């Protein structure tokens, strides 16, 4: 695929995420050989990934696209997630996405998860 086509798929995926259209988001993910990794979760299939993302999606107000780099079938997106949560109002995120045969086969997300993890800490 051309680098332009690969970038368009990732852009459409991010649009679906920002619009909370999880059915459309799922349509961009490969049915086989898929993997998702972030500092707080992981999935080895597209359906589990979509479920994880749909749980976080409602707090996303906007995804600001800062910069995109394309290298063959890989897209590196530098993003700012704006959320409804005061402690996570703006979250800088780097997303590395791999596309094969028109479908996303891998997503790896990098961000500082310390504030996010505090929400789930329990006292002993």
C-alpha atoms as a PDB file:
ATOM      1  CA  UNK A   1       0.000   0.000   0.000  1.00  0.00           C
ATOM      2  CA  UNK A   2       1.104   3.543  -0.537  1.00  0.00           C
ATOM      3  CA  UNK A   3       2.106   5.631   2.459  1.00  0.00           C
ATOM      4  CA  UNK A   4      -0.830   7.949   1.722  1.00  0.00           C
ATOM      5  CA  UNK A   5      -3.305   5.042   1.867  1.00  0.00           C
ATOM      6  CA  UNK A   6      -1.799   3.769   5.124  1.00  0.00           C
ATOM      7  CA  UNK A   7      -2.031   7.241   6.686  1.00  0.00           C
ATOM      8  CA  UNK A   8      -5.675   7.583   5.568  1.00  0.00           C
ATOM      9  CA  UNK A   9      -6.584   4.327   7.341  1.00  0.00           C
ATOM     10  CA  UNK A  10      -4.995   5.503  10.592  1.00  0.00           C
ATOM     11  CA  UNK A  11      -6.649   8.921  10.266  1.00  0.00           C
ATOM     12  CA  UNK A  12     -10.048   7.265   9.749  1.00  0.00           C
ATOM     13  CA  UNK A  13      -9.435   5.044  12.785  1.00  0.00           C
ATOM     14  CA  UNK A  14      -8.613   8.098  14.933  1.00  0.00           C
ATOM     15  CA  UNK A  15     -11.697   9.900  13.580  1.00  0.00           C
ATOM     16  CA  UNK A  16     -13.853   6.931  14.597  1.00  0.00           C
ATOM     17  CA  UNK A  17     -12.278   6.926  18.068  1.00  0.00           C
ATOM     18  CA  UNK A  18     -12.820  10.651  18.523  1.00  0.00           C
ATOM     19  CA  UNK A  19     -16.450  10.283  17.388  1.00  0.00           C
ATOM     20  CA  UNK A  20     -16.967   7.262  19.671  1.00  0.00           C
ATOM     21  CA  UNK A  21     -18.026   5.218  16.648  1.00  0.00           C
ATOM     22  CA  UNK A  22     -16.664   1.916  17.919  1.00  0.00           C
ATOM     23  CA  UNK A  23     -18.327  -0.172  15.212  1.00  0.00           C
ATOM     24  CA  UNK A  24     -16.549   1.867  12.544  1.00  0.00           C
ATOM     25  CA  UNK A  25     -13.325   1.791  14.597  1.00  0.00           C
ATOM     26  CA  UNK A  26     -13.510  -2.015  14.667  1.00  0.00           C
ATOM     27  CA  UNK A  27     -13.859  -2.117  10.866  1.00  0.00           C
ATOM     28  CA  UNK A  28     -10.284  -0.798  10.500  1.00  0.00           C
ATOM     29  CA  UNK A  29      -8.774  -3.579  12.638  1.00  0.00           C
ATOM     30  CA  UNK A  30      -7.542  -6.885  11.246  1.00  0.00           C
ATOM     31  CA  UNK A  31      -9.488 -10.020  12.153  1.00  0.00           C
ATOM     32  CA  UNK A  32      -6.265 -12.024  12.376  1.00  0.00           C
ATOM     33  CA  UNK A  33      -2.805 -11.447  13.784  1.00  0.00           C
ATOM     34  CA  UNK A  34      -3.839  -8.284  15.634  1.00  0.00           C
ATOM     35  CA  UNK A  35      -2.150  -6.870  18.752  1.00  0.00           C
ATOM     36  CA  UNK A  36      -2.727  -3.842  20.967  1.00  0.00           C
ATOM     37  CA  UNK A  37      -0.432  -2.605  23.728  1.00  0.00           C
ATOM     38  CA  UNK A  38      -0.589   0.418  26.030  1.00  0.00           C
ATOM     39  CA  UNK A  39       0.762   1.223  29.493  1.00  0.00           C
ATOM     40  CA  UNK A  40      -2.559   0.148  31.015  1.00  0.00           C
ATOM     41  CA  UNK A  41      -3.918  -2.657  28.842  1.00  0.00           C
ATOM     42  CA  UNK A  42      -3.232  -5.133  26.078  1.00  0.00           C
ATOM     43  CA  UNK A  43      -5.227  -7.254  23.659  1.00  0.00           C
ATOM     44  CA  UNK A  44      -4.338  -9.942  21.172  1.00  0.00           C
ATOM     45  CA  UNK A  45      -7.450  -9.625  19.040  1.00  0.00           C
ATOM     46  CA  UNK A  46      -9.453  -6.797  17.525  1.00  0.00           C
ATOM     47  CA  UNK A  47     -12.674  -7.492  19.440  1.00  0.00           C
ATOM     48  CA  UNK A  48     -10.968  -7.268  22.850  1.00  0.00           C
ATOM     49  CA  UNK A  49      -9.163  -4.129  21.741  1.00  0.00           C
ATOM     50  CA  UNK A  50     -12.433  -2.527  20.675  1.00  0.00           C
ATOM     51  CA  UNK A  51     -13.982  -3.415  24.031  1.00  0.00           C
ATOM     52  CA  UNK A  52     -11.062  -1.842  25.914  1.00  0.00           C
ATOM     53  CA  UNK A  53     -11.183   1.304  23.808  1.00  0.00           C
ATOM     54  CA  UNK A  54     -14.977   1.593  24.096  1.00  0.00           C
ATOM     55  CA  UNK A  55     -14.618   1.709  27.893  1.00  0.00           C
ATOM     56  CA  UNK A  56     -12.154   4.613  27.720  1.00  0.00           C
ATOM     57  CA  UNK A  57     -13.751   6.344  24.734  1.00  0.00           C
ATOM     58  CA  UNK A  58     -16.503   8.183  26.632  1.00  0.00           C
ATOM     59  CA  UNK A  59     -13.962  10.372  28.481  1.00  0.00           C
ATOM     60  CA  UNK A  60     -12.324  11.552  25.246  1.00  0.00           C
ATOM     61  CA  UNK A  61     -13.495  15.012  24.206  1.00  0.00           C
ATOM     62  CA  UNK A  62     -11.038  15.621  21.378  1.00  0.00           C
ATOM     63  CA  UNK A  63      -7.936  14.153  19.788  1.00  0.00           C
ATOM     64  CA  UNK A  64      -5.538  16.828  18.620  1.00  0.00           C
ATOM     65  CA  UNK A  65      -3.247  15.534  15.884  1.00  0.00           C
ATOM     66  CA  UNK A  66       0.143  17.187  16.474  1.00  0.00           C
ATOM     67  CA  UNK A  67       2.291  15.356  13.939  1.00  0.00           C
ATOM     68  CA  UNK A  68       2.214  12.206  11.817  1.00  0.00           C
ATOM     69  CA  UNK A  69       5.159  10.287  10.400  1.00  0.00           C
ATOM     70  CA  UNK A  70       4.724   7.485   7.881  1.00  0.00           C
ATOM     71  CA  UNK A  71       7.380   4.869   7.157  1.00  0.00           C
ATOM     72  CA  UNK A  72       6.122   2.191   4.780  1.00  0.00           C
ATOM     73  CA  UNK A  73       3.284   0.377   6.561  1.00  0.00           C
ATOM     74  CA  UNK A  74       3.948   2.074   9.920  1.00  0.00           C
ATOM     75  CA  UNK A  75       2.393   5.319  11.112  1.00  0.00           C
ATOM     76  CA  UNK A  76       3.629   7.233  14.148  1.00  0.00           C
ATOM     77  CA  UNK A  77       1.037   9.699  15.422  1.00  0.00           C
ATOM     78  CA  UNK A  78       1.859  12.309  18.031  1.00  0.00           C
ATOM     79  CA  UNK A  79      -1.426  13.224  19.676  1.00  0.00           C
ATOM     80  CA  UNK A  80      -2.980  15.165  22.537  1.00  0.00           C
ATOM     81  CA  UNK A  81      -6.010  13.505  24.038  1.00  0.00           C
ATOM     82  CA  UNK A  82      -8.308  16.027  25.705  1.00  0.00           C
ATOM     83  CA  UNK A  83     -10.547  14.336  28.245  1.00  0.00           C
ATOM     84  CA  UNK A  84     -13.440  15.099  30.569  1.00  0.00           C
ATOM     85  CA  UNK A  85     -11.350  14.251  33.638  1.00  0.00           C
ATOM     86  CA  UNK A  86      -9.690  17.049  35.601  1.00  0.00           C
ATOM     87  CA  UNK A  87      -6.611  14.981  36.490  1.00  0.00           C
ATOM     88  CA  UNK A  88      -6.199  13.919  32.843  1.00  0.00           C
ATOM     89  CA  UNK A  89      -7.368  17.067  31.052  1.00  0.00           C
ATOM     90  CA  UNK A  90      -4.662  16.796  28.390  1.00  0.00           C
ATOM     91  CA  UNK A  91      -2.693  13.618  27.787  1.00  0.00           C
ATOM     92  CA  UNK A  92       0.229  13.581  25.349  1.00  0.00           C
ATOM     93  CA  UNK A  93       0.174  10.277  23.458  1.00  0.00           C
ATOM     94  CA  UNK A  94       2.345   8.618  20.841  1.00  0.00           C
ATOM     95  CA  UNK A  95       0.634   5.896  18.835  1.00  0.00           C
ATOM     96  CA  UNK A  96       2.545   3.531  16.575  1.00  0.00           C
ATOM     97  CA  UNK A  97       0.237   1.781  14.136  1.00  0.00           C
ATOM     98  CA  UNK A  98       1.040  -0.923  11.568  1.00  0.00           C
ATOM     99  CA  UNK A  99      -1.191  -1.506   8.555  1.00  0.00           C
ATOM    100  CA  UNK A 100      -1.103  -4.607   6.339  1.00  0.00           C
ATOM    101  CA  UNK A 101      -3.404  -5.192   3.370  1.00  0.00           C
ATOM    102  CA  UNK A 102      -5.615  -2.256   4.308  1.00  0.00           C
ATOM    103  CA  UNK A 103      -6.186  -3.283   7.936  1.00  0.00           C
ATOM    104  CA  UNK A 104      -4.533  -2.237  11.169  1.00  0.00           C
ATOM    105  CA  UNK A 105      -2.614  -5.221  12.568  1.00  0.00           C
ATOM    106  CA  UNK A 106      -0.854  -3.578  15.504  1.00  0.00           C
ATOM    107  CA  UNK A 107      -1.282  -0.561  17.737  1.00  0.00           C
ATOM    108  CA  UNK A 108       1.188   0.383  20.427  1.00  0.00           C
ATOM    109  CA  UNK A 109       0.452   3.427  22.554  1.00  0.00           C
ATOM    110  CA  UNK A 110       2.900   5.319  24.743  1.00  0.00           C
ATOM    111  CA  UNK A 111       1.834   7.797  27.432  1.00  0.00           C
ATOM    112  CA  UNK A 112       2.464   8.616  31.076  1.00  0.00           C
ATOM    113  CA  UNK A 113      -0.092   6.427  32.834  1.00  0.00           C
ATOM    114  CA  UNK A 114       0.707   7.531  36.394  1.00  0.00           C
ATOM    115  CA  UNK A 115      -2.451   9.667  36.821  1.00  0.00           C
ATOM    116  CA  UNK A 116      -4.592   7.025  35.149  1.00  0.00           C
ATOM    117  CA  UNK A 117      -3.193   4.304  37.419  1.00  0.00           C
ATOM    118  CA  UNK A 118      -3.917   6.389  40.542  1.00  0.00           C
ATOM    119  CA  UNK A 119      -7.616   6.006  39.815  1.00  0.00           C
ATOM    120  CA  UNK A 120      -7.303   2.268  40.327  1.00  0.00           C
ATOM    121  CA  UNK A 121      -4.986   2.108  43.338  1.00  0.00           C
ATOM    122  CA  UNK A 122      -6.510   0.604  46.439  1.00  0.00           C
ATOM    123  CA  UNK A 123      -5.342   0.885  50.009  1.00  0.00           C
ATOM    124  CA  UNK A 124      -4.144  -2.377  51.598  1.00  0.00           C
END
